[in-house]
């Protein structure tokens, strides 16, 4: 069973038992989370595509932890202008284990 969910402005292809890193959610570690924005659902080789969402479908998961991704360096430079700016950024994420995909 597969599903495509939308969270944090991004889409993820998920299946039960899979661990994914998504945009940060303000929830405690160990709590349950459900995603109702299911865009595509595949069950028993039958594909159901939502317009824009699959009605009655829900994906549930368990929050494993919060963290930050690797640092990304942003460097701006203008030739012959003595302009240099160096910045770093670490994007926060939430790690979620998909526990189930439910349909109506």
PDB file of N, CA and C in Angstrom:
ATOM      1  N   UNK A   1       0.838  -1.169   0.000  1.00  0.00           N
ATOM      2  CA  UNK A   1       0.000   0.000   0.000  1.00  0.00           C
ATOM      3  C   UNK A   1       0.889   1.240   0.000  1.00  0.00           C
ATOM      4  N   UNK A   2       0.584   2.179  -0.879  1.00  0.00           N
ATOM      5  CA  UNK A   2       1.335   3.416  -1.018  1.00  0.00           C
ATOM      6  C   UNK A   2       0.385   4.604  -0.968  1.00  0.00           C
ATOM      7  N   UNK A   3       0.920   5.744  -0.599  1.00  0.00           N
ATOM      8  CA  UNK A   3       0.142   6.985  -0.612  1.00  0.00           C
ATOM      9  C   UNK A   3       1.092   8.146  -0.861  1.00  0.00           C
ATOM     10  N   UNK A   4       0.557   9.196  -1.461  1.00  0.00           N
ATOM     11  CA  UNK A   4       1.287  10.451  -1.622  1.00  0.00           C
ATOM     12  C   UNK A   4       0.590  11.463  -0.730  1.00  0.00           C
ATOM     13  N   UNK A   5       1.355  12.012   0.247  1.00  0.00           N
ATOM     14  CA  UNK A   5       0.797  12.992   1.171  1.00  0.00           C
ATOM     15  C   UNK A   5       1.436  14.345   0.940  1.00  0.00           C
ATOM     16  N   UNK A   6       0.739  15.382   1.390  1.00  0.00           N
ATOM     17  CA  UNK A   6       1.253  16.741   1.251  1.00  0.00           C
ATOM     18  C   UNK A   6       1.346  17.346   2.642  1.00  0.00           C
ATOM     19  N   UNK A   7       2.533  17.808   3.018  1.00  0.00           N
ATOM     20  CA  UNK A   7       2.734  18.487   4.288  1.00  0.00           C
ATOM     21  C   UNK A   7       3.915  19.434   4.163  1.00  0.00           C
ATOM     22  N   UNK A   8       3.790  20.592   4.750  1.00  0.00           N
ATOM     23  CA  UNK A   8       4.870  21.570   4.716  1.00  0.00           C
ATOM     24  C   UNK A   8       5.181  22.089   3.328  1.00  0.00           C
ATOM     25  N   UNK A   9       4.197  22.066   2.414  1.00  0.00           N
ATOM     26  CA  UNK A   9       4.412  22.548   1.060  1.00  0.00           C
ATOM     27  C   UNK A   9       5.145  21.568   0.161  1.00  0.00           C
ATOM     28  N   UNK A  10       5.369  20.350   0.639  1.00  0.00           N
ATOM     29  CA  UNK A  10       6.066  19.329  -0.146  1.00  0.00           C
ATOM     30  C   UNK A  10       5.206  18.070  -0.206  1.00  0.00           C
ATOM     31  N   UNK A  11       5.510  17.207  -1.170  1.00  0.00           N
ATOM     32  CA  UNK A  11       4.786  15.943  -1.319  1.00  0.00           C
ATOM     33  C   UNK A  11       5.739  14.788  -1.057  1.00  0.00           C
ATOM     34  N   UNK A  12       5.225  13.749  -0.388  1.00  0.00           N
ATOM     35  CA  UNK A  12       6.035  12.588  -0.020  1.00  0.00           C
ATOM     36  C   UNK A  12       5.308  11.309  -0.414  1.00  0.00           C
ATOM     37  N   UNK A  13       6.035  10.361  -0.991  1.00  0.00           N
ATOM     38  CA  UNK A  13       5.520   9.032  -1.295  1.00  0.00           C
ATOM     39  C   UNK A  13       5.826   8.161  -0.089  1.00  0.00           C
ATOM     40  N   UNK A  14       4.788   7.644   0.581  1.00  0.00           N
ATOM     41  CA  UNK A  14       4.976   6.918   1.836  1.00  0.00           C
ATOM     42  C   UNK A  14       4.315   5.547   1.783  1.00  0.00           C
ATOM     43  N   UNK A  15       4.812   4.654   2.634  1.00  0.00           N
ATOM     44  CA  UNK A  15       4.226   3.335   2.835  1.00  0.00           C
ATOM     45  C   UNK A  15       4.358   2.998   4.317  1.00  0.00           C
ATOM     46  N   UNK A  16       3.547   2.095   4.850  1.00  0.00           N
ATOM     47  CA  UNK A  16       3.622   1.764   6.276  1.00  0.00           C
ATOM     48  C   UNK A  16       4.998   1.225   6.671  1.00  0.00           C
ATOM     49  N   UNK A  17       5.494   1.681   7.827  1.00  0.00           N
ATOM     50  CA  UNK A  17       6.804   1.267   8.315  1.00  0.00           C
ATOM     51  C   UNK A  17       7.950   2.155   7.863  1.00  0.00           C
ATOM     52  N   UNK A  18       7.698   3.060   6.954  1.00  0.00           N
ATOM     53  CA  UNK A  18       8.737   3.936   6.408  1.00  0.00           C
ATOM     54  C   UNK A  18       8.995   5.105   7.346  1.00  0.00           C
ATOM     55  N   UNK A  19      10.252   5.553   7.420  1.00  0.00           N
ATOM     56  CA  UNK A  19      10.630   6.720   8.205  1.00  0.00           C
ATOM     57  C   UNK A  19      10.964   7.852   7.251  1.00  0.00           C
ATOM     58  N   UNK A  20      10.347   9.019   7.481  1.00  0.00           N
ATOM     59  CA  UNK A  20      10.587  10.170   6.609  1.00  0.00           C
ATOM     60  C   UNK A  20      10.928  11.389   7.458  1.00  0.00           C
ATOM     61  N   UNK A  21      11.648  12.325   6.858  1.00  0.00           N
ATOM     62  CA  UNK A  21      11.980  13.592   7.496  1.00  0.00           C
ATOM     63  C   UNK A  21      11.184  14.670   6.783  1.00  0.00           C
ATOM     64  N   UNK A  22      10.291  15.335   7.528  1.00  0.00           N
ATOM     65  CA  UNK A  22       9.411  16.347   6.959  1.00  0.00           C
ATOM     66  C   UNK A  22       9.702  17.694   7.607  1.00  0.00           C
ATOM     67  N   UNK A  23       9.066  18.752   7.100  1.00  0.00           N
ATOM     68  CA  UNK A  23       9.195  20.067   7.701  1.00  0.00           C
ATOM     69  C   UNK A  23       8.752  20.001   9.154  1.00  0.00           C
ATOM     70  N   UNK A  24       9.358  20.822   9.995  1.00  0.00           N
ATOM     71  CA  UNK A  24       9.148  20.741  11.435  1.00  0.00           C
ATOM     72  C   UNK A  24       7.682  20.898  11.834  1.00  0.00           C
ATOM     73  N   UNK A  25       7.222  19.981  12.703  1.00  0.00           N
ATOM     74  CA  UNK A  25       5.897  20.038  13.308  1.00  0.00           C
ATOM     75  C   UNK A  25       6.064  20.334  14.793  1.00  0.00           C
ATOM     76  N   UNK A  26       5.217  21.190  15.338  1.00  0.00           N
ATOM     77  CA  UNK A  26       5.297  21.563  16.752  1.00  0.00           C
ATOM     78  C   UNK A  26       4.554  20.544  17.603  1.00  0.00           C
ATOM     79  N   UNK A  27       5.075  19.322  17.673  1.00  0.00           N
ATOM     80  CA  UNK A  27       4.495  18.266  18.499  1.00  0.00           C
ATOM     81  C   UNK A  27       5.602  17.571  19.257  1.00  0.00           C
ATOM     82  N   UNK A  28       5.225  16.916  20.348  1.00  0.00           N
ATOM     83  CA  UNK A  28       6.185  16.227  21.204  1.00  0.00           C
ATOM     84  C   UNK A  28       6.610  14.896  20.583  1.00  0.00           C
ATOM     85  N   UNK A  29       7.818  14.470  20.946  1.00  0.00           N
ATOM     86  CA  UNK A  29       8.346  13.183  20.512  1.00  0.00           C
ATOM     87  C   UNK A  29       7.494  12.061  21.109  1.00  0.00           C
ATOM     88  N   UNK A  30       7.120  11.088  20.287  1.00  0.00           N
ATOM     89  CA  UNK A  30       6.295   9.970  20.729  1.00  0.00           C
ATOM     90  C   UNK A  30       4.809  10.171  20.497  1.00  0.00           C
ATOM     91  N   UNK A  31       4.385  11.385  20.107  1.00  0.00           N
ATOM     92  CA  UNK A  31       2.962  11.638  19.880  1.00  0.00           C
ATOM     93  C   UNK A  31       2.556  11.183  18.480  1.00  0.00           C
ATOM     94  N   UNK A  32       1.254  11.020  18.320  1.00  0.00           N
ATOM     95  CA  UNK A  32       0.693  10.598  17.037  1.00  0.00           C
ATOM     96  C   UNK A  32       0.391  11.816  16.171  1.00  0.00           C
ATOM     97  N   UNK A  33       0.514  11.638  14.863  1.00  0.00           N
ATOM     98  CA  UNK A  33       0.196  12.699  13.914  1.00  0.00           C
ATOM     99  C   UNK A  33      -0.559  12.065  12.749  1.00  0.00           C
ATOM    100  N   UNK A  34      -1.524  12.782  12.197  1.00  0.00           N
ATOM    101  CA  UNK A  34      -2.260  12.254  11.045  1.00  0.00           C
ATOM    102  C   UNK A  34      -2.218  13.280   9.917  1.00  0.00           C
ATOM    103  N   UNK A  35      -2.137  12.766   8.711  1.00  0.00           N
ATOM    104  CA  UNK A  35      -2.082  13.587   7.510  1.00  0.00           C
ATOM    105  C   UNK A  35      -3.351  13.315   6.709  1.00  0.00           C
ATOM    106  N   UNK A  36      -4.198  14.328   6.555  1.00  0.00           N
ATOM    107  CA  UNK A  36      -5.448  14.149   5.817  1.00  0.00           C
ATOM    108  C   UNK A  36      -5.325  14.587   4.356  1.00  0.00           C
ATOM    109  N   UNK A  37      -4.219  15.263   4.020  1.00  0.00           N
ATOM    110  CA  UNK A  37      -3.992  15.682   2.629  1.00  0.00           C
ATOM    111  C   UNK A  37      -3.363  14.541   1.844  1.00  0.00           C
ATOM    112  N   UNK A  38      -4.179  13.558   1.462  1.00  0.00           N
ATOM    113  CA  UNK A  38      -3.719  12.406   0.686  1.00  0.00           C
ATOM    114  C   UNK A  38      -4.068  12.681  -0.770  1.00  0.00           C
ATOM    115  N   UNK A  39      -3.044  12.748  -1.629  1.00  0.00           N
ATOM    116  CA  UNK A  39      -3.244  13.109  -3.028  1.00  0.00           C
ATOM    117  C   UNK A  39      -3.398  11.894  -3.932  1.00  0.00           C
ATOM    118  N   UNK A  40      -2.807  10.765  -3.533  1.00  0.00           N
ATOM    119  CA  UNK A  40      -2.863   9.544  -4.335  1.00  0.00           C
ATOM    120  C   UNK A  40      -2.837   8.363  -3.381  1.00  0.00           C
ATOM    121  N   UNK A  41      -3.563   7.306  -3.739  1.00  0.00           N
ATOM    122  CA  UNK A  41      -3.635   6.119  -2.900  1.00  0.00           C
ATOM    123  C   UNK A  41      -3.572   4.885  -3.783  1.00  0.00           C
ATOM    124  N   UNK A  42      -2.688   3.934  -3.437  1.00  0.00           N
ATOM    125  CA  UNK A  42      -2.560   2.683  -4.180  1.00  0.00           C
ATOM    126  C   UNK A  42      -2.788   1.541  -3.203  1.00  0.00           C
ATOM    127  N   UNK A  43      -3.781   0.695  -3.511  1.00  0.00           N
ATOM    128  CA  UNK A  43      -4.107  -0.442  -2.654  1.00  0.00           C
ATOM    129  C   UNK A  43      -4.490  -1.611  -3.547  1.00  0.00           C
ATOM    130  N   UNK A  44      -3.810  -2.741  -3.361  1.00  0.00           N
ATOM    131  CA  UNK A  44      -4.057  -3.953  -4.150  1.00  0.00           C
ATOM    132  C   UNK A  44      -3.972  -3.690  -5.652  1.00  0.00           C
ATOM    133  N   UNK A  45      -2.956  -2.951  -6.064  1.00  0.00           N
ATOM    134  CA  UNK A  45      -2.696  -2.592  -7.465  1.00  0.00           C
ATOM    135  C   UNK A  45      -3.833  -1.784  -8.096  1.00  0.00           C
ATOM    136  N   UNK A  46      -4.630  -1.134  -7.246  1.00  0.00           N
ATOM    137  CA  UNK A  46      -5.675  -0.231  -7.716  1.00  0.00           C
ATOM    138  C   UNK A  46      -5.299   1.170  -7.266  1.00  0.00           C
ATOM    139  N   UNK A  47      -5.178   2.096  -8.221  1.00  0.00           N
ATOM    140  CA  UNK A  47      -4.731   3.459  -7.936  1.00  0.00           C
ATOM    141  C   UNK A  47      -5.944   4.385  -7.907  1.00  0.00           C
ATOM    142  N   UNK A  48      -6.011   5.197  -6.852  1.00  0.00           N
ATOM    143  CA  UNK A  48      -7.065   6.194  -6.723  1.00  0.00           C
ATOM    144  C   UNK A  48      -6.401   7.557  -6.635  1.00  0.00           C
ATOM    145  N   UNK A  49      -6.730   8.431  -7.573  1.00  0.00           N
ATOM    146  CA  UNK A  49      -6.136   9.760  -7.641  1.00  0.00           C
ATOM    147  C   UNK A  49      -7.162  10.778  -7.163  1.00  0.00           C
ATOM    148  N   UNK A  50      -6.751  11.644  -6.271  1.00  0.00           N
ATOM    149  CA  UNK A  50      -7.649  12.648  -5.726  1.00  0.00           C
ATOM    150  C   UNK A  50      -7.790  13.850  -6.628  1.00  0.00           C
ATOM    151  N   UNK A  51      -8.884  14.589  -6.414  1.00  0.00           N
ATOM    152  CA  UNK A  51      -9.108  15.802  -7.184  1.00  0.00           C
ATOM    153  C   UNK A  51      -9.564  16.906  -6.253  1.00  0.00           C
ATOM    154  N   UNK A  52      -8.762  17.576  -5.493  1.00  0.00           N
ATOM    155  CA  UNK A  52      -7.325  17.416  -5.319  1.00  0.00           C
ATOM    156  C   UNK A  52      -6.938  16.395  -4.250  1.00  0.00           C
ATOM    157  N   UNK A  53      -7.891  15.973  -3.381  1.00  0.00           N
ATOM    158  CA  UNK A  53      -7.568  15.017  -2.322  1.00  0.00           C
ATOM    159  C   UNK A  53      -8.429  13.772  -2.471  1.00  0.00           C
ATOM    160  N   UNK A  54      -7.924  12.642  -1.967  1.00  0.00           N
ATOM    161  CA  UNK A  54      -8.702  11.408  -1.929  1.00  0.00           C
ATOM    162  C   UNK A  54      -9.621  11.509  -0.715  1.00  0.00           C
ATOM    163  N   UNK A  55     -10.923  11.417  -0.945  1.00  0.00           N
ATOM    164  CA  UNK A  55     -11.871  11.594   0.155  1.00  0.00           C
ATOM    165  C   UNK A  55     -11.867  10.362   1.062  1.00  0.00           C
ATOM    166  N   UNK A  56     -11.844  10.608   2.361  1.00  0.00           N
ATOM    167  CA  UNK A  56     -11.893   9.527   3.332  1.00  0.00           C
ATOM    168  C   UNK A  56     -10.570   8.853   3.618  1.00  0.00           C
ATOM    169  N   UNK A  57      -9.501   9.288   2.996  1.00  0.00           N
ATOM    170  CA  UNK A  57      -8.186   8.671   3.212  1.00  0.00           C
ATOM    171  C   UNK A  57      -7.411   9.455   4.255  1.00  0.00           C
ATOM    172  N   UNK A  58      -6.630   8.716   5.061  1.00  0.00           N
ATOM    173  CA  UNK A  58      -5.854   9.350   6.122  1.00  0.00           C
ATOM    174  C   UNK A  58      -4.598   8.511   6.354  1.00  0.00           C
ATOM    175  N   UNK A  59      -3.476   9.200   6.558  1.00  0.00           N
ATOM    176  CA  UNK A  59      -2.204   8.543   6.863  1.00  0.00           C
ATOM    177  C   UNK A  59      -1.834   8.922   8.292  1.00  0.00           C
ATOM    178  N   UNK A  60      -1.502   7.912   9.107  1.00  0.00           N
ATOM    179  CA  UNK A  60      -1.120   8.172  10.493  1.00  0.00           C
ATOM    180  C   UNK A  60       0.346   7.836  10.692  1.00  0.00           C
ATOM    181  N   UNK A  61       0.953   8.513  11.652  1.00  0.00           N
ATOM    182  CA  UNK A  61       2.364   8.294  11.931  1.00  0.00           C
ATOM    183  C   UNK A  61       2.697   8.616  13.367  1.00  0.00           C
ATOM    184  N   UNK A  62       3.908   8.255  13.759  1.00  0.00           N
ATOM    185  CA  UNK A  62       4.401   8.496  15.106  1.00  0.00           C
ATOM    186  C   UNK A  62       5.658   9.348  14.991  1.00  0.00           C
ATOM    187  N   UNK A  63       5.758  10.391  15.809  1.00  0.00           N
ATOM    188  CA  UNK A  63       6.916  11.280  15.768  1.00  0.00           C
ATOM    189  C   UNK A  63       8.069  10.622  16.517  1.00  0.00           C
ATOM    190  N   UNK A  64       9.190  10.448  15.826  1.00  0.00           N
ATOM    191  CA  UNK A  64      10.372   9.821  16.409  1.00  0.00           C
ATOM    192  C   UNK A  64      11.314  10.839  17.023  1.00  0.00           C
ATOM    193  N   UNK A  65      11.359  12.036  16.473  1.00  0.00           N
ATOM    194  CA  UNK A  65      12.267  13.046  17.020  1.00  0.00           C
ATOM    195  C   UNK A  65      12.314  14.302  16.174  1.00  0.00           C
ATOM    196  N   UNK A  66      12.966  15.311  16.743  1.00  0.00           N
ATOM    197  CA  UNK A  66      13.180  16.586  16.067  1.00  0.00           C
ATOM    198  C   UNK A  66      14.684  16.729  15.829  1.00  0.00           C
ATOM    199  N   UNK A  67      15.062  17.466  14.795  1.00  0.00           N
ATOM    200  CA  UNK A  67      16.481  17.663  14.537  1.00  0.00           C
ATOM    201  C   UNK A  67      16.719  18.769  13.530  1.00  0.00           C
ATOM    202  N   UNK A  68      17.989  18.914  13.150  1.00  0.00           N
ATOM    203  CA  UNK A  68      18.377  19.889  12.136  1.00  0.00           C
ATOM    204  C   UNK A  68      19.184  19.188  11.062  1.00  0.00           C
ATOM    205  N   UNK A  69      18.977  19.584   9.834  1.00  0.00           N
ATOM    206  CA  UNK A  69      19.718  19.013   8.713  1.00  0.00           C
ATOM    207  C   UNK A  69      21.147  19.556   8.691  1.00  0.00           C
ATOM    208  N   UNK A  70      21.956  19.070   7.762  1.00  0.00           N
ATOM    209  CA  UNK A  70      23.329  19.547   7.615  1.00  0.00           C
ATOM    210  C   UNK A  70      23.336  21.017   7.214  1.00  0.00           C
ATOM    211  N   UNK A  71      24.413  21.693   7.558  1.00  0.00           N
ATOM    212  CA  UNK A  71      24.532  23.119   7.285  1.00  0.00           C
ATOM    213  C   UNK A  71      24.701  23.367   5.778  1.00  0.00           C
ATOM    214  N   UNK A  72      23.997  24.377   5.300  1.00  0.00           N
ATOM    215  CA  UNK A  72      24.100  24.834   3.918  1.00  0.00           C
ATOM    216  C   UNK A  72      24.764  26.202   3.961  1.00  0.00           C
ATOM    217  N   UNK A  73      25.818  26.401   3.168  1.00  0.00           N
ATOM    218  CA  UNK A  73      26.553  27.665   3.126  1.00  0.00           C
ATOM    219  C   UNK A  73      26.001  28.538   2.007  1.00  0.00           C
ATOM    220  N   UNK A  74      25.660  29.786   2.341  1.00  0.00           N
ATOM    221  CA  UNK A  74      25.207  30.765   1.362  1.00  0.00           C
ATOM    222  C   UNK A  74      26.315  31.808   1.242  1.00  0.00           C
ATOM    223  N   UNK A  75      26.877  31.956   0.042  1.00  0.00           N
ATOM    224  CA  UNK A  75      27.966  32.896  -0.169  1.00  0.00           C
ATOM    225  C   UNK A  75      27.604  33.828  -1.313  1.00  0.00           C
ATOM    226  N   UNK A  76      27.566  35.133  -1.025  1.00  0.00           N
ATOM    227  CA  UNK A  76      27.275  36.148  -2.039  1.00  0.00           C
ATOM    228  C   UNK A  76      28.544  36.938  -2.303  1.00  0.00           C
ATOM    229  N   UNK A  77      28.777  37.272  -3.564  1.00  0.00           N
ATOM    230  CA  UNK A  77      30.013  37.943  -3.953  1.00  0.00           C
ATOM    231  C   UNK A  77      29.747  38.830  -5.158  1.00  0.00           C
ATOM    232  N   UNK A  78      30.243  40.045  -5.113  1.00  0.00           N
ATOM    233  CA  UNK A  78      30.171  40.960  -6.251  1.00  0.00           C
ATOM    234  C   UNK A  78      31.606  41.298  -6.659  1.00  0.00           C
ATOM    235  N   UNK A  79      31.941  41.003  -7.890  1.00  0.00           N
ATOM    236  CA  UNK A  79      33.290  41.250  -8.385  1.00  0.00           C
ATOM    237  C   UNK A  79      33.600  42.749  -8.400  1.00  0.00           C
ATOM    238  N   UNK A  80      34.793  43.102  -7.963  1.00  0.00           N
ATOM    239  CA  UNK A  80      35.331  44.463  -7.990  1.00  0.00           C
ATOM    240  C   UNK A  80      34.552  45.447  -7.114  1.00  0.00           C
ATOM    241  N   UNK A  81      33.739  44.988  -6.181  1.00  0.00           N
ATOM    242  CA  UNK A  81      32.948  45.875  -5.331  1.00  0.00           C
ATOM    243  C   UNK A  81      33.247  45.696  -3.842  1.00  0.00           C
ATOM    244  N   UNK A  82      34.170  44.828  -3.485  1.00  0.00           N
ATOM    245  CA  UNK A  82      34.519  44.523  -2.100  1.00  0.00           C
ATOM    246  C   UNK A  82      33.298  44.066  -1.292  1.00  0.00           C
ATOM    247  N   UNK A  83      32.437  43.283  -1.941  1.00  0.00           N
ATOM    248  CA  UNK A  83      31.224  42.800  -1.296  1.00  0.00           C
ATOM    249  C   UNK A  83      31.285  41.285  -1.184  1.00  0.00           C
ATOM    250  N   UNK A  84      31.325  40.805   0.045  1.00  0.00           N
ATOM    251  CA  UNK A  84      31.294  39.366   0.306  1.00  0.00           C
ATOM    252  C   UNK A  84      30.422  39.138   1.541  1.00  0.00           C
ATOM    253  N   UNK A  85      29.488  38.202   1.446  1.00  0.00           N
ATOM    254  CA  UNK A  85      28.641  37.827   2.582  1.00  0.00           C
ATOM    255  C   UNK A  85      28.606  36.307   2.655  1.00  0.00           C
ATOM    256  N   UNK A  86      28.907  35.776   3.827  1.00  0.00           N
ATOM    257  CA  UNK A  86      28.869  34.332   4.027  1.00  0.00           C
ATOM    258  C   UNK A  86      27.906  34.034   5.170  1.00  0.00           C
ATOM    259  N   UNK A  87      26.904  33.190   4.893  1.00  0.00           N
ATOM    260  CA  UNK A  87      25.914  32.814   5.893  1.00  0.00           C
ATOM    261  C   UNK A  87      25.748  31.299   5.883  1.00  0.00           C
ATOM    262  N   UNK A  88      25.292  30.771   7.001  1.00  0.00           N
ATOM    263  CA  UNK A  88      24.991  29.355   7.093  1.00  0.00           C
ATOM    264  C   UNK A  88      23.546  29.162   7.529  1.00  0.00           C
ATOM    265  N   UNK A  89      22.963  28.005   7.176  1.00  0.00           N
ATOM    266  CA  UNK A  89      21.574  27.722   7.535  1.00  0.00           C
ATOM    267  C   UNK A  89      21.412  26.227   7.784  1.00  0.00           C
ATOM    268  N   UNK A  90      20.702  25.888   8.871  1.00  0.00           N
ATOM    269  CA  UNK A  90      20.356  24.499   9.175  1.00  0.00           C
ATOM    270  C   UNK A  90      18.845  24.417   9.306  1.00  0.00           C
ATOM    271  N   UNK A  91      18.214  23.688   8.391  1.00  0.00           N
ATOM    272  CA  UNK A  91      16.752  23.582   8.356  1.00  0.00           C
ATOM    273  C   UNK A  91      16.273  22.577   9.401  1.00  0.00           C
ATOM    274  N   UNK A  92      15.334  22.968  10.278  1.00  0.00           N
ATOM    275  CA  UNK A  92      14.799  22.011  11.247  1.00  0.00           C
ATOM    276  C   UNK A  92      13.856  21.019  10.570  1.00  0.00           C
ATOM    277  N   UNK A  93      13.793  19.807  11.110  1.00  0.00           N
ATOM    278  CA  UNK A  93      12.914  18.770  10.562  1.00  0.00           C
ATOM    279  C   UNK A  93      12.311  17.947  11.693  1.00  0.00           C
ATOM    280  N   UNK A  94      11.289  17.184  11.349  1.00  0.00           N
ATOM    281  CA  UNK A  94      10.660  16.224  12.249  1.00  0.00           C
ATOM    282  C   UNK A  94      10.741  14.866  11.577  1.00  0.00           C
ATOM    283  N   UNK A  95      11.242  13.869  12.296  1.00  0.00           N
ATOM    284  CA  UNK A  95      11.305  12.511  11.755  1.00  0.00           C
ATOM    285  C   UNK A  95      10.050  11.765  12.178  1.00  0.00           C
ATOM    286  N   UNK A  96       9.341  11.205  11.187  1.00  0.00           N
ATOM    287  CA  UNK A  96       8.067  10.536  11.420  1.00  0.00           C
ATOM    288  C   UNK A  96       8.136   9.123  10.863  1.00  0.00           C
ATOM    289  N   UNK A  97       7.616   8.161  11.625  1.00  0.00           N
ATOM    290  CA  UNK A  97       7.465   6.792  11.137  1.00  0.00           C
ATOM    291  C   UNK A  97       6.002   6.588  10.772  1.00  0.00           C
ATOM    292  N   UNK A  98       5.747   6.180   9.544  1.00  0.00           N
ATOM    293  CA  UNK A  98       4.375   5.973   9.067  1.00  0.00           C
ATOM    294  C   UNK A  98       3.868   4.666   9.670  1.00  0.00           C
ATOM    295  N   UNK A  99       2.748   4.748  10.407  1.00  0.00           N
ATOM    296  CA  UNK A  99       2.211   3.556  11.066  1.00  0.00           C
ATOM    297  C   UNK A  99       1.044   2.948  10.309  1.00  0.00           C
ATOM    298  N   UNK A 100       0.297   3.731   9.551  1.00  0.00           N
ATOM    299  CA  UNK A 100      -0.828   3.153   8.824  1.00  0.00           C
ATOM    300  C   UNK A 100      -1.403   4.076   7.795  1.00  0.00           C
ATOM    301  N   UNK A 101      -2.068   3.461   6.807  1.00  0.00           N
ATOM    302  CA  UNK A 101      -2.789   4.185   5.773  1.00  0.00           C
ATOM    303  C   UNK A 101      -4.222   3.685   5.814  1.00  0.00           C
ATOM    304  N   UNK A 102      -5.159   4.600   6.082  1.00  0.00           N
ATOM    305  CA  UNK A 102      -6.561   4.210   6.240  1.00  0.00           C
ATOM    306  C   UNK A 102      -7.401   4.801   5.112  1.00  0.00           C
ATOM    307  N   UNK A 103      -8.398   4.022   4.681  1.00  0.00           N
ATOM    308  CA  UNK A 103      -9.352   4.492   3.678  1.00  0.00           C
ATOM    309  C   UNK A 103     -10.752   4.323   4.246  1.00  0.00           C
ATOM    310  N   UNK A 104     -11.702   4.885   3.550  1.00  0.00           N
ATOM    311  CA  UNK A 104     -13.077   4.772   4.040  1.00  0.00           C
ATOM    312  C   UNK A 104     -13.701   3.429   3.767  1.00  0.00           C
TER     313      UNK A 104
END
